């Protein structure tokens, strides 16, 4: 019985020491392409364009597009960045208008409160 256990242990050791299989060579007919990320605050055009392959992780919710040549990717990044900056400016203008209107309403409220107080 002891010899059987020794034999089993020896077989198990040999199985655990097998060299790992090498990964088979992979054919990539697509090659490199350029991913344009969605713009974020403070991002530059260069940060938006990323050279990738089919083996790189691409999160669809973070990208604007995928292009075969760099010039198209740069053009899209530039357009996206300009549109993003335009939207930021519109939001800032809307917020400024909101603050101005809020201040005017507060002044009118105070004036109305003073008139009501003087009527009492």
Protein backbone atom coordinates (compact mmCIF):
# COMPACT_ATOMS: atom_id res chain seq x y z
CA UNK A 1 0.00 0.00 0.00
CA UNK A 2 2.85 2.37 0.78
CA UNK A 3 4.40 1.85 -2.66
CA UNK A 4 1.10 2.69 -4.31
CA UNK A 5 0.93 5.99 -2.42
CA UNK A 6 4.53 6.77 -3.37
CA UNK A 7 3.75 6.04 -7.01
CA UNK A 8 0.66 8.26 -6.94
CA UNK A 9 2.63 11.08 -5.34
CA UNK A 10 5.37 10.72 -7.96
CA UNK A 11 2.84 10.86 -10.81
CA UNK A 12 1.19 13.90 -9.27
CA UNK A 13 4.54 15.71 -8.96
CA UNK A 14 5.36 15.00 -12.59
CA UNK A 15 1.97 16.31 -13.70
CA UNK A 16 2.39 19.53 -11.70
CA UNK A 17 5.85 20.12 -13.16
CA UNK A 18 4.75 19.96 -16.80
CA UNK A 19 5.82 23.05 -18.69
CA UNK A 20 3.01 25.45 -19.38
CA UNK A 21 1.64 25.33 -22.88
CA UNK A 22 2.76 28.24 -24.96
CA UNK A 23 0.01 30.41 -26.30
CA UNK A 24 -0.48 29.84 -29.99
CA UNK A 25 0.60 32.60 -32.30
CA UNK A 26 -2.34 34.82 -33.17
CA UNK A 27 -2.95 36.37 -36.57
CA UNK A 28 -3.94 40.02 -36.52
CA UNK A 29 -5.06 41.04 -40.00
CA UNK A 30 -6.72 44.19 -38.70
CA UNK A 31 -3.53 45.82 -37.41
CA UNK A 32 -3.44 49.09 -35.53
CA UNK A 33 -6.28 51.59 -35.47
CA UNK A 34 -7.03 54.78 -33.60
CA UNK A 35 -9.62 55.16 -30.87
CA UNK A 36 -11.02 58.60 -30.11
CA UNK A 37 -12.13 58.93 -26.50
CA UNK A 38 -14.99 61.18 -25.43
CA UNK A 39 -13.69 64.52 -24.19
CA UNK A 40 -13.50 65.29 -20.51
CA UNK A 41 -12.59 68.42 -18.60
CA UNK A 42 -8.98 69.44 -19.20
CA UNK A 43 -8.37 66.81 -21.91
CA UNK A 44 -6.25 67.63 -24.94
CA UNK A 45 -6.67 66.32 -28.47
CA UNK A 46 -3.54 64.20 -28.01
CA UNK A 47 -5.01 62.58 -24.90
CA UNK A 48 -8.21 61.76 -26.76
CA UNK A 49 -6.55 59.81 -29.60
CA UNK A 50 -5.15 56.41 -28.66
CA UNK A 51 -3.43 53.91 -30.95
CA UNK A 52 -4.90 50.44 -30.34
CA UNK A 53 -5.09 46.88 -31.61
CA UNK A 54 -7.86 44.30 -31.44
CA UNK A 55 -6.23 42.96 -28.28
CA UNK A 56 -6.58 46.23 -26.33
CA UNK A 57 -9.60 46.86 -24.11
CA UNK A 58 -12.07 49.34 -25.55
CA UNK A 59 -15.03 50.51 -23.49
CA UNK A 60 -17.76 51.62 -25.85
CA UNK A 61 -19.26 54.10 -23.39
CA UNK A 62 -15.91 55.97 -23.23
CA UNK A 63 -15.24 56.38 -26.95
CA UNK A 64 -16.40 58.70 -29.69
CA UNK A 65 -15.18 56.60 -32.63
CA UNK A 66 -12.64 54.20 -34.12
CA UNK A 67 -10.60 55.13 -37.21
CA UNK A 68 -8.11 53.39 -39.45
CA UNK A 69 -5.92 56.45 -39.99
CA UNK A 70 -4.59 58.95 -37.49
CA UNK A 71 -5.60 62.07 -39.43
CA UNK A 72 -9.31 61.13 -39.34
CA UNK A 73 -9.03 60.33 -35.64
CA UNK A 74 -7.34 63.69 -34.97
CA UNK A 75 -10.04 65.50 -36.96
CA UNK A 76 -12.80 63.80 -34.95
CA UNK A 77 -10.99 64.50 -31.67
CA UNK A 78 -10.66 68.16 -32.62
CA UNK A 79 -14.35 68.44 -33.55
CA UNK A 80 -15.42 66.62 -30.38
CA UNK A 81 -13.24 68.83 -28.21
CA UNK A 82 -14.62 72.01 -29.80
CA UNK A 83 -18.20 70.77 -29.36
CA UNK A 84 -17.48 69.84 -25.73
CA UNK A 85 -16.00 73.29 -25.02
CA UNK A 86 -19.02 74.91 -26.69
CA UNK A 87 -21.38 72.91 -24.47
CA UNK A 88 -19.37 73.84 -21.36
CA UNK A 89 -19.58 77.51 -22.34
CA UNK A 90 -23.36 77.22 -22.85
CA UNK A 91 -23.75 75.62 -19.41
CA UNK A 92 -21.63 78.35 -17.81
CA UNK A 93 -23.72 81.05 -19.52
CA UNK A 94 -26.96 79.37 -18.41
CA UNK A 95 -25.69 79.17 -14.84
CA UNK A 96 -24.68 82.83 -14.90
CA UNK A 97 -28.15 83.76 -16.17
CA UNK A 98 -29.70 81.61 -13.43
CA UNK A 99 -27.60 83.32 -10.73
CA UNK A 100 -28.52 86.75 -12.09
CA UNK A 101 -32.24 85.90 -12.18
CA UNK A 102 -32.07 84.39 -8.71
CA UNK A 103 -30.46 87.56 -7.36
CA UNK A 104 -33.15 89.73 -9.01
CA UNK A 105 -35.91 87.56 -7.55
CA UNK A 106 -34.33 87.80 -4.09
CA UNK A 107 -34.18 91.60 -4.37
CA UNK A 108 -37.86 91.73 -5.45
CA UNK A 109 -38.81 89.44 -2.57
CA UNK A 110 -37.06 91.71 -0.08
CA UNK A 111 -38.74 94.78 -1.58
CA UNK A 112 -42.15 93.11 -1.38
CA UNK A 113 -41.50 92.04 2.21
CA UNK A 114 -40.60 95.64 3.15
CA UNK A 115 -43.80 96.97 1.50
CA UNK A 116 -45.90 94.39 3.36
CA UNK A 117 -44.15 95.29 6.61
CA UNK A 118 -44.84 99.02 6.04
CA UNK A 119 -48.54 98.29 5.46
CA UNK A 120 -48.94 96.67 8.87
